[in-house]
PDB file of all heavy atoms in Angstrom:
ATOM      1  N   PHE A   1      -1.392  -9.297  -4.584  1.00  0.00           N
ATOM      2  CA  PHE A   1      -2.032  -8.292  -3.723  1.00  0.00           C
ATOM      3  C   PHE A   1      -1.945  -8.687  -2.252  1.00  0.00           C
ATOM      4  O   PHE A   1      -1.894  -7.810  -1.379  1.00  0.00           O
ATOM      5  CB  PHE A   1      -3.478  -8.060  -4.166  1.00  0.00           C
ATOM      6  CG  PHE A   1      -3.577  -7.198  -5.375  1.00  0.00           C
ATOM      7  CD1 PHE A   1      -3.664  -7.758  -6.642  1.00  0.00           C
ATOM      8  CD2 PHE A   1      -3.542  -5.823  -5.277  1.00  0.00           C
ATOM      9  CE1 PHE A   1      -3.730  -6.967  -7.772  1.00  0.00           C
ATOM     10  CE2 PHE A   1      -3.602  -5.022  -6.395  1.00  0.00           C
ATOM     11  CZ  PHE A   1      -3.699  -5.600  -7.657  1.00  0.00           C
ATOM     12  N   ASP A   2      -1.902 -10.000  -1.961  1.00  0.00           N
ATOM     13  CA  ASP A   2      -1.678 -10.442  -0.584  1.00  0.00           C
ATOM     14  C   ASP A   2      -0.344  -9.925  -0.079  1.00  0.00           C
ATOM     15  O   ASP A   2      -0.223  -9.434   1.051  1.00  0.00           O
ATOM     16  CB  ASP A   2      -1.705 -11.967  -0.491  1.00  0.00           C
ATOM     17  CG  ASP A   2      -3.106 -12.551  -0.599  1.00  0.00           C
ATOM     18  OD1 ASP A   2      -4.075 -11.776  -0.437  1.00  0.00           O
ATOM     19  OD2 ASP A   2      -3.224 -13.758  -0.836  1.00  0.00           O
ATOM     20  N   ASP A   3       0.697 -10.029  -0.920  1.00  0.00           N
ATOM     21  CA  ASP A   3       2.031  -9.564  -0.516  1.00  0.00           C
ATOM     22  C   ASP A   3       2.073  -8.052  -0.334  1.00  0.00           C
ATOM     23  O   ASP A   3       2.691  -7.531   0.603  1.00  0.00           O
ATOM     24  CB  ASP A   3       3.076  -9.984  -1.551  1.00  0.00           C
ATOM     25  CG  ASP A   3       3.396 -11.470  -1.503  1.00  0.00           C
ATOM     26  OD1 ASP A   3       3.063 -12.113  -0.489  1.00  0.00           O
ATOM     27  OD2 ASP A   3       3.974 -11.986  -2.482  1.00  0.00           O
ATOM     28  N   ILE A   4       1.422  -7.324  -1.242  1.00  0.00           N
ATOM     29  CA  ILE A   4       1.408  -5.867  -1.132  1.00  0.00           C
ATOM     30  C   ILE A   4       0.625  -5.431   0.099  1.00  0.00           C
ATOM     31  O   ILE A   4       1.055  -4.543   0.847  1.00  0.00           O
ATOM     32  CB  ILE A   4       0.816  -5.233  -2.409  1.00  0.00           C
ATOM     33  CG1 ILE A   4       1.706  -5.543  -3.619  1.00  0.00           C
ATOM     34  CG2 ILE A   4       0.690  -3.721  -2.248  1.00  0.00           C
ATOM     35  CD1 ILE A   4       1.070  -5.163  -4.951  1.00  0.00           C
ATOM     36  N   GLU A   5      -0.528  -6.047   0.328  1.00  0.00           N
ATOM     37  CA  GLU A   5      -1.322  -5.723   1.512  1.00  0.00           C
ATOM     38  C   GLU A   5      -0.588  -6.100   2.793  1.00  0.00           C
ATOM     39  O   GLU A   5      -0.705  -5.406   3.810  1.00  0.00           O
ATOM     40  CB  GLU A   5      -2.678  -6.429   1.451  1.00  0.00           C
ATOM     41  CG  GLU A   5      -3.658  -5.813   0.471  1.00  0.00           C
ATOM     42  CD  GLU A   5      -4.253  -4.508   0.993  1.00  0.00           C
ATOM     43  OE1 GLU A   5      -3.761  -3.973   2.005  1.00  0.00           O
ATOM     44  OE2 GLU A   5      -5.200  -4.019   0.373  1.00  0.00           O
ATOM     45  N   ALA A   6       0.178  -7.192   2.748  1.00  0.00           N
ATOM     46  CA  ALA A   6       0.955  -7.582   3.924  1.00  0.00           C
ATOM     47  C   ALA A   6       2.018  -6.529   4.239  1.00  0.00           C
ATOM     48  O   ALA A   6       2.288  -6.238   5.410  1.00  0.00           O
ATOM     49  CB  ALA A   6       1.600  -8.948   3.704  1.00  0.00           C
ATOM     50  N   ALA A   7       2.606  -5.942   3.195  1.00  0.00           N
ATOM     51  CA  ALA A   7       3.585  -4.876   3.411  1.00  0.00           C
ATOM     52  C   ALA A   7       2.919  -3.650   4.028  1.00  0.00           C
ATOM     53  O   ALA A   7       3.464  -3.017   4.944  1.00  0.00           O
ATOM     54  CB  ALA A   7       4.259  -4.508   2.088  1.00  0.00           C
ATOM     55  N   ARG A   8       1.716  -3.308   3.537  1.00  0.00           N
ATOM     56  CA  ARG A   8       0.999  -2.172   4.118  1.00  0.00           C
ATOM     57  C   ARG A   8       0.620  -2.459   5.570  1.00  0.00           C
ATOM     58  O   ARG A   8       0.758  -1.591   6.440  1.00  0.00           O
ATOM     59  CB  ARG A   8      -0.256  -1.846   3.305  1.00  0.00           C
ATOM     60  CG  ARG A   8      -0.933  -0.548   3.742  1.00  0.00           C
ATOM     61  CD  ARG A   8      -2.204  -0.286   2.962  1.00  0.00           C
ATOM     62  NE  ARG A   8      -3.267  -1.193   3.313  1.00  0.00           N
ATOM     63  CZ  ARG A   8      -4.061  -1.050   4.383  1.00  0.00           C
ATOM     64  NH1 ARG A   8      -3.893  -0.032   5.212  1.00  0.00           N
ATOM     65  NH2 ARG A   8      -5.010  -1.922   4.623  1.00  0.00           N
ATOM     66  N   SER A   9       0.155  -3.668   5.836  1.00  0.00           N
ATOM     67  CA  SER A   9      -0.214  -4.039   7.204  1.00  0.00           C
ATOM     68  C   SER A   9       0.994  -4.005   8.122  1.00  0.00           C
ATOM     69  O   SER A   9       0.891  -3.594   9.286  1.00  0.00           O
ATOM     70  CB  SER A   9      -0.851  -5.430   7.222  1.00  0.00           C
ATOM     71  OG  SER A   9      -2.063  -5.436   6.506  1.00  0.00           O
ATOM     72  N   TRP A  10       2.140  -4.434   7.585  1.00  0.00           N
ATOM     73  CA  TRP A  10       3.369  -4.397   8.393  1.00  0.00           C
ATOM     74  C   TRP A  10       3.689  -2.950   8.779  1.00  0.00           C
ATOM     75  O   TRP A  10       4.036  -2.672   9.937  1.00  0.00           O
ATOM     76  CB  TRP A  10       4.530  -5.011   7.618  1.00  0.00           C
ATOM     77  CG  TRP A  10       5.766  -5.160   8.453  1.00  0.00           C
ATOM     78  CD1 TRP A  10       6.175  -6.258   9.152  1.00  0.00           C
ATOM     79  CD2 TRP A  10       6.748  -4.133   8.704  1.00  0.00           C
ATOM     80  NE1 TRP A  10       7.340  -5.990   9.830  1.00  0.00           N
ATOM     81  CE2 TRP A  10       7.715  -4.694   9.569  1.00  0.00           C
ATOM     82  CE3 TRP A  10       6.905  -2.815   8.296  1.00  0.00           C
ATOM     83  CZ2 TRP A  10       8.833  -3.973  10.022  1.00  0.00           C
ATOM     84  CZ3 TRP A  10       7.999  -2.084   8.745  1.00  0.00           C
ATOM     85  CH2 TRP A  10       8.951  -2.667   9.591  1.00  0.00           C
ATOM     86  N   LEU A  11       3.565  -2.050   7.818  1.00  0.00           N
ATOM     87  CA  LEU A  11       3.837  -0.644   8.103  1.00  0.00           C
ATOM     88  C   LEU A  11       2.907  -0.117   9.183  1.00  0.00           C
ATOM     89  O   LEU A  11       3.350   0.521  10.148  1.00  0.00           O
ATOM     90  CB  LEU A  11       3.674   0.192   6.829  1.00  0.00           C
ATOM     91  CG  LEU A  11       4.814   0.151   5.821  1.00  0.00           C
ATOM     92  CD1 LEU A  11       4.384   0.779   4.495  1.00  0.00           C
ATOM     93  CD2 LEU A  11       6.052   0.847   6.363  1.00  0.00           C
ATOM     94  N   ILE A  12       1.614  -0.378   9.036  1.00  0.00           N
ATOM     95  CA  ILE A  12       0.634   0.142   9.992  1.00  0.00           C
ATOM     96  C   ILE A  12       0.903  -0.396  11.392  1.00  0.00           C
ATOM     97  O   ILE A  12       0.712   0.299  12.396  1.00  0.00           O
ATOM     98  CB  ILE A  12      -0.790  -0.206   9.532  1.00  0.00           C
ATOM     99  CG1 ILE A  12      -1.133   0.599   8.279  1.00  0.00           C
ATOM    100  CG2 ILE A  12      -1.813   0.081  10.633  1.00  0.00           C
ATOM    101  CD1 ILE A  12      -2.444   0.230   7.652  1.00  0.00           C
ATOM    102  N   GLY A  13       1.384  -1.629  11.472  1.00  0.00           N
ATOM    103  CA  GLY A  13       1.643  -2.229  12.767  1.00  0.00           C
ATOM    104  C   GLY A  13       2.965  -1.849  13.398  1.00  0.00           C
ATOM    105  O   GLY A  13       3.211  -2.169  14.566  1.00  0.00           O
ATOM    106  N   ASP A  14       3.825  -1.164  12.642  1.00  0.00           N
ATOM    107  CA  ASP A  14       5.129  -0.787  13.179  1.00  0.00           C
ATOM    108  C   ASP A  14       5.012   0.546  13.922  1.00  0.00           C
ATOM    109  O   ASP A  14       4.439   1.500  13.393  1.00  0.00           O
ATOM    110  CB  ASP A  14       6.154  -0.666  12.041  1.00  0.00           C
ATOM    111  CG  ASP A  14       7.567  -0.526  12.561  1.00  0.00           C
ATOM    112  OD1 ASP A  14       7.961   0.601  12.939  1.00  0.00           O
ATOM    113  OD2 ASP A  14       8.291  -1.533  12.600  1.00  0.00           O
ATOM    114  N   PRO A  15       5.547   0.645  15.132  1.00  0.00           N
ATOM    115  CA  PRO A  15       5.408   1.893  15.906  1.00  0.00           C
ATOM    116  C   PRO A  15       6.094   3.094  15.268  1.00  0.00           C
ATOM    117  O   PRO A  15       5.793   4.235  15.634  1.00  0.00           O
ATOM    118  CB  PRO A  15       6.035   1.537  17.253  1.00  0.00           C
ATOM    119  CG  PRO A  15       6.910   0.360  16.991  1.00  0.00           C
ATOM    120  CD  PRO A  15       6.251  -0.404  15.897  1.00  0.00           C
ATOM    121  N   ARG A  16       6.985   2.845  14.313  1.00  0.00           N
ATOM    122  CA  ARG A  16       7.650   3.966  13.635  1.00  0.00           C
ATOM    123  C   ARG A  16       6.773   4.591  12.561  1.00  0.00           C
ATOM    124  O   ARG A  16       7.128   5.629  11.996  1.00  0.00           O
ATOM    125  CB  ARG A  16       8.967   3.484  13.013  1.00  0.00           C
ATOM    126  CG  ARG A  16      10.026   3.101  14.028  1.00  0.00           C
ATOM    127  CD  ARG A  16      11.179   2.356  13.405  1.00  0.00           C
ATOM    128  NE  ARG A  16      10.766   1.032  12.925  1.00  0.00           N
ATOM    129  CZ  ARG A  16      11.602   0.088  12.493  1.00  0.00           C
ATOM    130  NH1 ARG A  16      12.910   0.339  12.481  1.00  0.00           N
ATOM    131  NH2 ARG A  16      11.147  -1.086  12.094  1.00  0.00           N
ATOM    132  N   CYS A  17       5.626   3.960  12.271  1.00  0.00           N
ATOM    133  CA  CYS A  17       4.713   4.461  11.240  1.00  0.00           C
ATOM    134  C   CYS A  17       3.568   5.232  11.879  1.00  0.00           C
ATOM    135  O   CYS A  17       3.012   4.811  12.898  1.00  0.00           O
ATOM    136  CB  CYS A  17       4.175   3.299  10.410  1.00  0.00           C
ATOM    137  SG  CYS A  17       3.071   3.793   9.070  1.00  0.00           S
ATOM    138  N   SER A  18       3.191   6.321  11.252  1.00  0.00           N
ATOM    139  CA  SER A  18       2.095   7.161  11.752  1.00  0.00           C
ATOM    140  C   SER A  18       0.734   6.518  11.551  1.00  0.00           C
ATOM    141  O   SER A  18      -0.260   6.972  12.120  1.00  0.00           O
ATOM    142  CB  SER A  18       2.120   8.516  11.043  1.00  0.00           C
ATOM    143  OG  SER A  18       1.818   8.355   9.656  1.00  0.00           O
ATOM    144  N   GLY A  19       0.661   5.489  10.721  1.00  0.00           N
ATOM    145  CA  GLY A  19      -0.609   4.854  10.398  1.00  0.00           C
ATOM    146  C   GLY A  19      -1.170   5.280   9.059  1.00  0.00           C
ATOM    147  O   GLY A  19      -2.125   4.691   8.565  1.00  0.00           O
ATOM    148  N   THR A  20      -0.579   6.307   8.462  1.00  0.00           N
ATOM    149  CA  THR A  20      -0.973   6.757   7.129  1.00  0.00           C
ATOM    150  C   THR A  20      -0.017   6.149   6.109  1.00  0.00           C
ATOM    151  O   THR A  20       1.202   6.294   6.239  1.00  0.00           O
ATOM    152  CB  THR A  20      -0.924   8.285   7.027  1.00  0.00           C
ATOM    153  OG1 THR A  20      -1.782   8.844   8.016  1.00  0.00           O
ATOM    154  CG2 THR A  20      -1.370   8.743   5.650  1.00  0.00           C
ATOM    155  N   VAL A  21      -0.564   5.471   5.097  1.00  0.00           N
ATOM    156  CA  VAL A  21       0.273   4.737   4.146  1.00  0.00           C
ATOM    157  C   VAL A  21      -0.160   5.031   2.716  1.00  0.00           C
ATOM    158  O   VAL A  21      -1.350   5.022   2.393  1.00  0.00           O
ATOM    159  CB  VAL A  21       0.206   3.217   4.410  1.00  0.00           C
ATOM    160  CG1 VAL A  21       1.020   2.451   3.360  1.00  0.00           C
ATOM    161  CG2 VAL A  21       0.716   2.889   5.807  1.00  0.00           C
ATOM    162  N   GLY A  22       0.830   5.275   1.864  1.00  0.00           N
ATOM    163  CA  GLY A  22       0.619   5.410   0.433  1.00  0.00           C
ATOM    164  C   GLY A  22       1.379   4.328  -0.304  1.00  0.00           C
ATOM    165  O   GLY A  22       2.046   3.493   0.296  1.00  0.00           O
ATOM    166  N   VAL A  23       1.279   4.362  -1.629  1.00  0.00           N
ATOM    167  CA  VAL A  23       1.954   3.355  -2.445  1.00  0.00           C
ATOM    168  C   VAL A  23       2.531   4.032  -3.676  1.00  0.00           C
ATOM    169  O   VAL A  23       1.980   5.004  -4.192  1.00  0.00           O
ATOM    170  CB  VAL A  23       0.975   2.222  -2.833  1.00  0.00           C
ATOM    171  CG1 VAL A  23      -0.171   2.757  -3.689  1.00  0.00           C
ATOM    172  CG2 VAL A  23       1.687   1.078  -3.548  1.00  0.00           C
ATOM    173  N   ILE A  24       3.670   3.506  -4.136  1.00  0.00           N
ATOM    174  CA  ILE A  24       4.294   3.976  -5.366  1.00  0.00           C
ATOM    175  C   ILE A  24       4.795   2.764  -6.121  1.00  0.00           C
ATOM    176  O   ILE A  24       5.247   1.781  -5.514  1.00  0.00           O
ATOM    177  CB  ILE A  24       5.457   4.960  -5.061  1.00  0.00           C
ATOM    178  CG1 ILE A  24       6.054   5.528  -6.348  1.00  0.00           C
ATOM    179  CG2 ILE A  24       6.552   4.291  -4.231  1.00  0.00           C
ATOM    180  CD1 ILE A  24       7.076   6.632  -6.102  1.00  0.00           C
ATOM    181  N   GLY A  25       4.662   2.791  -7.452  1.00  0.00           N
ATOM    182  CA  GLY A  25       5.123   1.661  -8.243  1.00  0.00           C
ATOM    183  C   GLY A  25       5.647   2.119  -9.586  1.00  0.00           C
ATOM    184  O   GLY A  25       5.308   3.208 -10.076  1.00  0.00           O
ATOM    185  N   PHE A  26       6.458   1.246 -10.199  1.00  0.00           N
ATOM    186  CA  PHE A  26       7.147   1.570 -11.446  1.00  0.00           C
ATOM    187  C   PHE A  26       6.851   0.503 -12.497  1.00  0.00           C
ATOM    188  O   PHE A  26       7.019  -0.693 -12.242  1.00  0.00           O
ATOM    189  CB  PHE A  26       8.652   1.668 -11.200  1.00  0.00           C
ATOM    190  CG  PHE A  26       8.997   2.665 -10.130  1.00  0.00           C
ATOM    191  CD1 PHE A  26       9.013   2.285  -8.784  1.00  0.00           C
ATOM    192  CD2 PHE A  26       9.253   3.986 -10.448  1.00  0.00           C
ATOM    193  CE1 PHE A  26       9.306   3.204  -7.788  1.00  0.00           C
ATOM    194  CE2 PHE A  26       9.539   4.917  -9.456  1.00  0.00           C
ATOM    195  CZ  PHE A  26       9.563   4.519  -8.128  1.00  0.00           C
ATOM    196  N   CYS A  27       6.400   0.942 -13.682  1.00  0.00           N
ATOM    197  CA  CYS A  27       6.068   0.043 -14.782  1.00  0.00           C
ATOM    198  C   CYS A  27       5.013  -0.954 -14.304  1.00  0.00           C
ATOM    199  O   CYS A  27       3.912  -0.555 -13.937  1.00  0.00           O
ATOM    200  CB  CYS A  27       7.335  -0.632 -15.301  1.00  0.00           C
ATOM    201  SG  CYS A  27       7.098  -1.594 -16.806  1.00  0.00           S
ATOM    202  N   MET A  28       5.311  -2.246 -14.287  1.00  0.00           N
ATOM    203  CA  MET A  28       4.368  -3.224 -13.744  1.00  0.00           C
ATOM    204  C   MET A  28       3.897  -2.805 -12.360  1.00  0.00           C
ATOM    205  O   MET A  28       2.701  -2.879 -12.034  1.00  0.00           O
ATOM    206  CB  MET A  28       5.034  -4.592 -13.671  1.00  0.00           C
ATOM    207  CG  MET A  28       4.196  -5.671 -13.024  1.00  0.00           C
ATOM    208  SD  MET A  28       5.182  -7.136 -12.627  1.00  0.00           S
ATOM    209  CE  MET A  28       5.990  -6.572 -11.100  1.00  0.00           C
ATOM    210  N   GLY A  29       4.820  -2.337 -11.544  1.00  0.00           N
ATOM    211  CA  GLY A  29       4.483  -1.900 -10.194  1.00  0.00           C
ATOM    212  C   GLY A  29       3.615  -0.658 -10.170  1.00  0.00           C
ATOM    213  O   GLY A  29       2.820  -0.465  -9.250  1.00  0.00           O
ATOM    214  N   GLY A  30       3.759   0.187 -11.181  1.00  0.00           N
ATOM    215  CA  GLY A  30       2.897   1.366 -11.268  1.00  0.00           C
ATOM    216  C   GLY A  30       1.454   0.971 -11.506  1.00  0.00           C
ATOM    217  O   GLY A  30       0.527   1.523 -10.896  1.00  0.00           O
ATOM    218  N   GLY A  31       1.249  -0.016 -12.404  1.00  0.00           N
ATOM    219  CA  GLY A  31      -0.091  -0.520 -12.629  1.00  0.00           C
ATOM    220  C   GLY A  31      -0.671  -1.169 -11.390  1.00  0.00           C
ATOM    221  O   GLY A  31      -1.857  -1.006 -11.081  1.00  0.00           O
ATOM    222  N   LEU A  32       0.180  -1.896 -10.655  1.00  0.00           N
ATOM    223  CA  LEU A  32      -0.281  -2.522  -9.417  1.00  0.00           C
ATOM    224  C   LEU A  32      -0.632  -1.479  -8.363  1.00  0.00           C
ATOM    225  O   LEU A  32      -1.595  -1.642  -7.606  1.00  0.00           O
ATOM    226  CB  LEU A  32       0.792  -3.479  -8.884  1.00  0.00           C
ATOM    227  CG  LEU A  32       0.989  -4.761  -9.688  1.00  0.00           C
ATOM    228  CD1 LEU A  32       2.239  -5.490  -9.213  1.00  0.00           C
ATOM    229  CD2 LEU A  32      -0.226  -5.669  -9.577  1.00  0.00           C
ATOM    230  N   ALA A  33       0.156  -0.402  -8.307  1.00  0.00           N
ATOM    231  CA  ALA A  33      -0.138   0.673  -7.343  1.00  0.00           C
ATOM    232  C   ALA A  33      -1.498   1.289  -7.623  1.00  0.00           C
ATOM    233  O   ALA A  33      -2.306   1.510  -6.715  1.00  0.00           O
ATOM    234  CB  ALA A  33       0.961   1.737  -7.394  1.00  0.00           C
ATOM    235  N   ALA A  34      -1.768   1.579  -8.901  1.00  0.00           N
ATOM    236  CA  ALA A  34      -3.065   2.151  -9.263  1.00  0.00           C
ATOM    237  C   ALA A  34      -4.185   1.150  -9.015  1.00  0.00           C
ATOM    238  O   ALA A  34      -5.274   1.516  -8.554  1.00  0.00           O
ATOM    239  CB  ALA A  34      -3.051   2.587 -10.725  1.00  0.00           C
ATOM    240  N   SER A  35      -3.931  -0.115  -9.295  1.00  0.00           N
ATOM    241  CA  SER A  35      -4.940  -1.150  -9.057  1.00  0.00           C
ATOM    242  C   SER A  35      -5.219  -1.330  -7.575  1.00  0.00           C
ATOM    243  O   SER A  35      -6.360  -1.591  -7.176  1.00  0.00           O
ATOM    244  CB  SER A  35      -4.488  -2.481  -9.670  1.00  0.00           C
ATOM    245  OG  SER A  35      -4.494  -2.427 -11.075  1.00  0.00           O
ATOM    246  N   LEU A  36      -4.170  -1.202  -6.758  1.00  0.00           N
ATOM    247  CA  LEU A  36      -4.361  -1.342  -5.321  1.00  0.00           C
ATOM    248  C   LEU A  36      -5.345  -0.300  -4.807  1.00  0.00           C
ATOM    249  O   LEU A  36      -6.139  -0.572  -3.898  1.00  0.00           O
ATOM    250  CB  LEU A  36      -3.020  -1.212  -4.592  1.00  0.00           C
ATOM    251  CG  LEU A  36      -3.060  -1.484  -3.087  1.00  0.00           C
ATOM    252  CD1 LEU A  36      -3.388  -2.946  -2.804  1.00  0.00           C
ATOM    253  CD2 LEU A  36      -1.722  -1.114  -2.437  1.00  0.00           C
ATOM    254  N   ALA A  37      -5.311   0.883  -5.404  1.00  0.00           N
ATOM    255  CA  ALA A  37      -6.228   1.944  -4.981  1.00  0.00           C
ATOM    256  C   ALA A  37      -7.687   1.581  -5.235  1.00  0.00           C
ATOM    257  O   ALA A  37      -8.580   2.145  -4.610  1.00  0.00           O
ATOM    258  CB  ALA A  37      -5.881   3.241  -5.699  1.00  0.00           C
ATOM    259  N   THR A  38      -7.940   0.613  -6.124  1.00  0.00           N
ATOM    260  CA  THR A  38      -9.318   0.210  -6.406  1.00  0.00           C
ATOM    261  C   THR A  38      -9.832  -0.822  -5.409  1.00  0.00           C
ATOM    262  O   THR A  38     -11.044  -1.101  -5.400  1.00  0.00           O
ATOM    263  CB  THR A  38      -9.463  -0.368  -7.833  1.00  0.00           C
ATOM    264  OG1 THR A  38      -8.819  -1.649  -7.895  1.00  0.00           O
ATOM    265  CG2 THR A  38      -8.862   0.567  -8.869  1.00  0.00           C
ATOM    266  N   VAL A  39      -8.946  -1.412  -4.619  1.00  0.00           N
ATOM    267  CA  VAL A  39      -9.379  -2.469  -3.690  1.00  0.00           C
ATOM    268  C   VAL A  39      -9.039  -2.169  -2.235  1.00  0.00           C
ATOM    269  O   VAL A  39      -9.512  -2.869  -1.339  1.00  0.00           O
ATOM    270  CB  VAL A  39      -8.766  -3.837  -4.087  1.00  0.00           C
ATOM    271  CG1 VAL A  39      -9.263  -4.266  -5.451  1.00  0.00           C
ATOM    272  CG2 VAL A  39      -7.243  -3.806  -4.065  1.00  0.00           C
ATOM    273  N   ASP A  40      -8.234  -1.149  -1.985  1.00  0.00           N
ATOM    274  CA  ASP A  40      -7.805  -0.840  -0.616  1.00  0.00           C
ATOM    275  C   ASP A  40      -8.298   0.550  -0.234  1.00  0.00           C
ATOM    276  O   ASP A  40      -7.725   1.562  -0.626  1.00  0.00           O
ATOM    277  CB  ASP A  40      -6.285  -0.915  -0.515  1.00  0.00           C
ATOM    278  CG  ASP A  40      -5.770  -0.785   0.914  1.00  0.00           C
ATOM    279  OD1 ASP A  40      -6.515  -0.271   1.771  1.00  0.00           O
ATOM    280  OD2 ASP A  40      -4.628  -1.195   1.177  1.00  0.00           O
ATOM    281  N   ALA A  41      -9.358   0.593   0.551  1.00  0.00           N
ATOM    282  CA  ALA A  41      -9.970   1.871   0.927  1.00  0.00           C
ATOM    283  C   ALA A  41      -9.141   2.639   1.942  1.00  0.00           C
ATOM    284  O   ALA A  41      -9.434   3.808   2.217  1.00  0.00           O
ATOM    285  CB  ALA A  41     -11.370   1.632   1.483  1.00  0.00           C
ATOM    286  N   GLU A  42      -8.096   2.012   2.495  1.00  0.00           N
ATOM    287  CA  GLU A  42      -7.299   2.669   3.528  1.00  0.00           C
ATOM    288  C   GLU A  42      -6.087   3.412   2.974  1.00  0.00           C
ATOM    289  O   GLU A  42      -5.413   4.121   3.715  1.00  0.00           O
ATOM    290  CB  GLU A  42      -6.829   1.632   4.559  1.00  0.00           C
ATOM    291  CG  GLU A  42      -7.956   0.874   5.242  1.00  0.00           C
ATOM    292  CD  GLU A  42      -8.917   1.806   5.958  1.00  0.00           C
ATOM    293  OE1 GLU A  42      -8.452   2.741   6.621  1.00  0.00           O
ATOM    294  OE2 GLU A  42     -10.135   1.606   5.835  1.00  0.00           O
ATOM    295  N   LEU A  43      -5.801   3.254   1.703  1.00  0.00           N
ATOM    296  CA  LEU A  43      -4.662   3.955   1.114  1.00  0.00           C
ATOM    297  C   LEU A  43      -4.880   5.460   1.138  1.00  0.00           C
ATOM    298  O   LEU A  43      -5.982   5.939   0.880  1.00  0.00           O
ATOM    299  CB  LEU A  43      -4.445   3.523  -0.329  1.00  0.00           C
ATOM    300  CG  LEU A  43      -3.638   2.256  -0.619  1.00  0.00           C
ATOM    301  CD1 LEU A  43      -3.540   2.072  -2.118  1.00  0.00           C
ATOM    302  CD2 LEU A  43      -2.253   2.308   0.007  1.00  0.00           C
ATOM    303  N   ALA A  44      -3.797   6.205   1.403  1.00  0.00           N
ATOM    304  CA  ALA A  44      -3.896   7.665   1.419  1.00  0.00           C
ATOM    305  C   ALA A  44      -3.518   8.292   0.087  1.00  0.00           C
ATOM    306  O   ALA A  44      -3.851   9.452  -0.177  1.00  0.00           O
ATOM    307  CB  ALA A  44      -3.001   8.232   2.524  1.00  0.00           C
ATOM    308  N   GLY A  45      -2.828   7.554  -0.770  1.00  0.00           N
ATOM    309  CA  GLY A  45      -2.424   8.089  -2.064  1.00  0.00           C
ATOM    310  C   GLY A  45      -1.648   7.043  -2.839  1.00  0.00           C
ATOM    311  O   GLY A  45      -0.972   6.201  -2.245  1.00  0.00           O
TER     312      GLY A  45
END
């Protein structure tokens, strides 16, 4: 989750990003995406 949150933080800090961030995952990553929504209040979807 540190690595995933670091990726989200990188996006938010990049001027090419609007500041709104979602997540998508596949299989293991799909479970992690859904789990991230339980700990990250800033996710948009």
